Amino acid sequence: MEKKMIPYSVHLPREHYILLKKAAKGRKASSIVRDAILMFLSGGDDSFKTGYNKGIRDAAKVVYDCPEAQMIAIKGKDLGAILTEQIQMLEAK
């Protein structure tokens, strides 16, 4: 599930930069910007669906990254990957 990230520069007006820095305590600015771009690209006009899909992606990542789930394999595939695929199928189209 982990995909290689490709750096991309975004230029912001100073006031937006300051607001982003305040909102992104704990070095989460990249995540906030990435989520906003993904929301826009996936048809962000429906905020419920966008939020729901973000929750699905977050849940899938937690399961995929779980070391205990990676220790159990079923038919040669780790349980984390199997459950991640099932969770991702819940994403609203």
C-alpha atoms as a PDB file:
ATOM      1  CA  MET A   1       0.000   0.000   0.000  1.00  0.00           C
ATOM      2  CA  GLU A   2       2.870   2.388   0.725  1.00  0.00           C
ATOM      3  CA  LYS A   3       3.576   4.341  -2.431  1.00  0.00           C
ATOM      4  CA  LYS A   4       6.720   6.262  -3.250  1.00  0.00           C
ATOM      5  CA  MET A   5       6.153   9.961  -2.645  1.00  0.00           C
ATOM      6  CA  ILE A   6       7.297  12.414  -5.301  1.00  0.00           C
ATOM      7  CA  PRO A   7       8.166  15.906  -4.047  1.00  0.00           C
ATOM      8  CA  TYR A   8       6.142  18.796  -5.439  1.00  0.00           C
ATOM      9  CA  SER A   9       6.589  22.441  -4.554  1.00  0.00           C
ATOM     10  CA  VAL A  10       3.584  24.606  -3.701  1.00  0.00           C
ATOM     11  CA  HIS A  11       3.828  28.371  -3.445  1.00  0.00           C
ATOM     12  CA  LEU A  12       1.492  29.997  -0.924  1.00  0.00           C
ATOM     13  CA  PRO A  13       0.741  33.563   0.040  1.00  0.00           C
ATOM     14  CA  ARG A  14       2.438  34.429   3.331  1.00  0.00           C
ATOM     15  CA  GLU A  15      -0.848  34.520   5.287  1.00  0.00           C
ATOM     16  CA  HIS A  16      -1.783  31.030   4.058  1.00  0.00           C
ATOM     17  CA  TYR A  17       1.694  29.750   4.900  1.00  0.00           C
ATOM     18  CA  ILE A  18       1.387  31.075   8.461  1.00  0.00           C
ATOM     19  CA  LEU A  19      -2.067  29.506   8.894  1.00  0.00           C
ATOM     20  CA  LEU A  20      -0.784  26.182   7.555  1.00  0.00           C
ATOM     21  CA  LYS A  21       2.165  26.231   9.958  1.00  0.00           C
ATOM     22  CA  LYS A  22      -0.198  26.873  12.900  1.00  0.00           C
ATOM     23  CA  ALA A  23      -2.618  24.131  11.823  1.00  0.00           C
ATOM     24  CA  ALA A  24       0.140  21.651  11.120  1.00  0.00           C
ATOM     25  CA  LYS A  25       1.785  21.286  14.500  1.00  0.00           C
ATOM     26  CA  GLY A  26       3.924  18.182  14.727  1.00  0.00           C
ATOM     27  CA  ARG A  27       5.276  18.322  11.167  1.00  0.00           C
ATOM     28  CA  LYS A  28       1.997  17.390   9.476  1.00  0.00           C
ATOM     29  CA  ALA A  29       1.881  20.183   6.877  1.00  0.00           C
ATOM     30  CA  SER A  30       2.685  17.815   4.008  1.00  0.00           C
ATOM     31  CA  SER A  31      -0.108  15.507   5.070  1.00  0.00           C
ATOM     32  CA  ILE A  32      -2.620  18.365   5.258  1.00  0.00           C
ATOM     33  CA  VAL A  33      -1.676  19.666   1.804  1.00  0.00           C
ATOM     34  CA  ARG A  34      -1.629  16.130   0.339  1.00  0.00           C
ATOM     35  CA  ASP A  35      -5.099  15.391   1.766  1.00  0.00           C
ATOM     36  CA  ALA A  36      -6.485  18.675   0.417  1.00  0.00           C
ATOM     37  CA  ILE A  37      -5.108  17.993  -3.062  1.00  0.00           C
ATOM     38  CA  LEU A  38      -6.450  14.442  -3.021  1.00  0.00           C
ATOM     39  CA  MET A  39      -9.852  15.736  -1.862  1.00  0.00           C
ATOM     40  CA  PHE A  40      -9.939  18.215  -4.737  1.00  0.00           C
ATOM     41  CA  LEU A  41      -8.810  15.677  -7.337  1.00  0.00           C
ATOM     42  CA  SER A  42     -11.359  13.081  -6.185  1.00  0.00           C
ATOM     43  CA  GLY A  43     -14.319  15.435  -6.607  1.00  0.00           C
ATOM     44  CA  GLY A  44     -14.245  17.303  -3.320  1.00  0.00           C
ATOM     45  CA  ASP A  45     -17.703  18.791  -3.873  1.00  0.00           C
ATOM     46  CA  ASP A  46     -19.232  16.126  -1.605  1.00  0.00           C
ATOM     47  CA  SER A  47     -17.618  16.722   1.782  1.00  0.00           C
ATOM     48  CA  PHE A  48     -19.271  13.695   3.440  1.00  0.00           C
ATOM     49  CA  LYS A  49     -18.007  11.281   0.780  1.00  0.00           C
ATOM     50  CA  THR A  50     -14.578  12.901   0.803  1.00  0.00           C
ATOM     51  CA  GLY A  51     -14.308  12.600   4.594  1.00  0.00           C
ATOM     52  CA  TYR A  52     -15.609   9.039   4.535  1.00  0.00           C
ATOM     53  CA  ASN A  53     -13.050   8.020   1.916  1.00  0.00           C
ATOM     54  CA  LYS A  54     -10.265   9.710   3.894  1.00  0.00           C
ATOM     55  CA  GLY A  55     -11.305   7.653   6.931  1.00  0.00           C
ATOM     56  CA  ILE A  56     -11.285   4.474   4.839  1.00  0.00           C
ATOM     57  CA  ARG A  57      -7.777   5.255   3.545  1.00  0.00           C
ATOM     58  CA  ASP A  58      -6.549   5.997   7.081  1.00  0.00           C
ATOM     59  CA  ALA A  59      -8.044   2.746   8.417  1.00  0.00           C
ATOM     60  CA  ALA A  60      -6.522   0.747   5.562  1.00  0.00           C
ATOM     61  CA  LYS A  61      -3.099   2.252   6.278  1.00  0.00           C
ATOM     62  CA  VAL A  62      -3.301   1.413   9.986  1.00  0.00           C
ATOM     63  CA  VAL A  63      -4.160  -2.212   9.209  1.00  0.00           C
ATOM     64  CA  TYR A  64      -1.534  -2.477   6.461  1.00  0.00           C
ATOM     65  CA  ASP A  65       1.210  -1.056   8.723  1.00  0.00           C
ATOM     66  CA  CYS A  66       0.320  -3.270  11.706  1.00  0.00           C
ATOM     67  CA  PRO A  67       3.345  -5.503  12.369  1.00  0.00           C
ATOM     68  CA  GLU A  68       1.202  -8.198  13.999  1.00  0.00           C
ATOM     69  CA  ALA A  69      -1.042  -8.410  10.932  1.00  0.00           C
ATOM     70  CA  GLN A  70       2.062  -8.797   8.773  1.00  0.00           C
ATOM     71  CA  MET A  71       3.171 -11.809  10.824  1.00  0.00           C
ATOM     72  CA  ILE A  72       0.123 -13.888   9.888  1.00  0.00           C
ATOM     73  CA  ALA A  73      -0.072 -15.229   6.348  1.00  0.00           C
ATOM     74  CA  ILE A  74      -3.001 -16.884   4.610  1.00  0.00           C
ATOM     75  CA  LYS A  75      -2.270 -18.641   1.317  1.00  0.00           C
ATOM     76  CA  GLY A  76       1.039 -16.791   1.100  1.00  0.00           C
ATOM     77  CA  LYS A  77      -0.421 -13.314   1.622  1.00  0.00           C
ATOM     78  CA  ASP A  78      -0.095 -11.435   4.904  1.00  0.00           C
ATOM     79  CA  LEU A  79      -3.280 -10.705   6.828  1.00  0.00           C
ATOM     80  CA  GLY A  80      -2.599  -6.942   6.816  1.00  0.00           C
ATOM     81  CA  ALA A  81      -2.624  -6.847   3.014  1.00  0.00           C
ATOM     82  CA  ILE A  82      -5.779  -8.998   2.823  1.00  0.00           C
ATOM     83  CA  LEU A  83      -7.685  -6.807   5.285  1.00  0.00           C
ATOM     84  CA  THR A  84      -6.398  -3.630   3.631  1.00  0.00           C
ATOM     85  CA  GLU A  85      -7.853  -4.726   0.288  1.00  0.00           C
ATOM     86  CA  GLN A  86     -11.198  -5.457   1.943  1.00  0.00           C
ATOM     87  CA  ILE A  87     -11.270  -2.056   3.677  1.00  0.00           C
ATOM     88  CA  GLN A  88     -10.330  -0.238   0.455  1.00  0.00           C
ATOM     89  CA  MET A  89     -13.330  -1.825  -1.294  1.00  0.00           C
ATOM     90  CA  LEU A  90     -15.556   0.204   1.072  1.00  0.00           C
ATOM     91  CA  GLU A  91     -14.388   3.463  -0.504  1.00  0.00           C
ATOM     92  CA  ALA A  92     -17.329   5.422  -1.951  1.00  0.00           C
ATOM     93  CA  LYS A  93     -17.215   6.073  -5.691  1.00  0.00           C
END
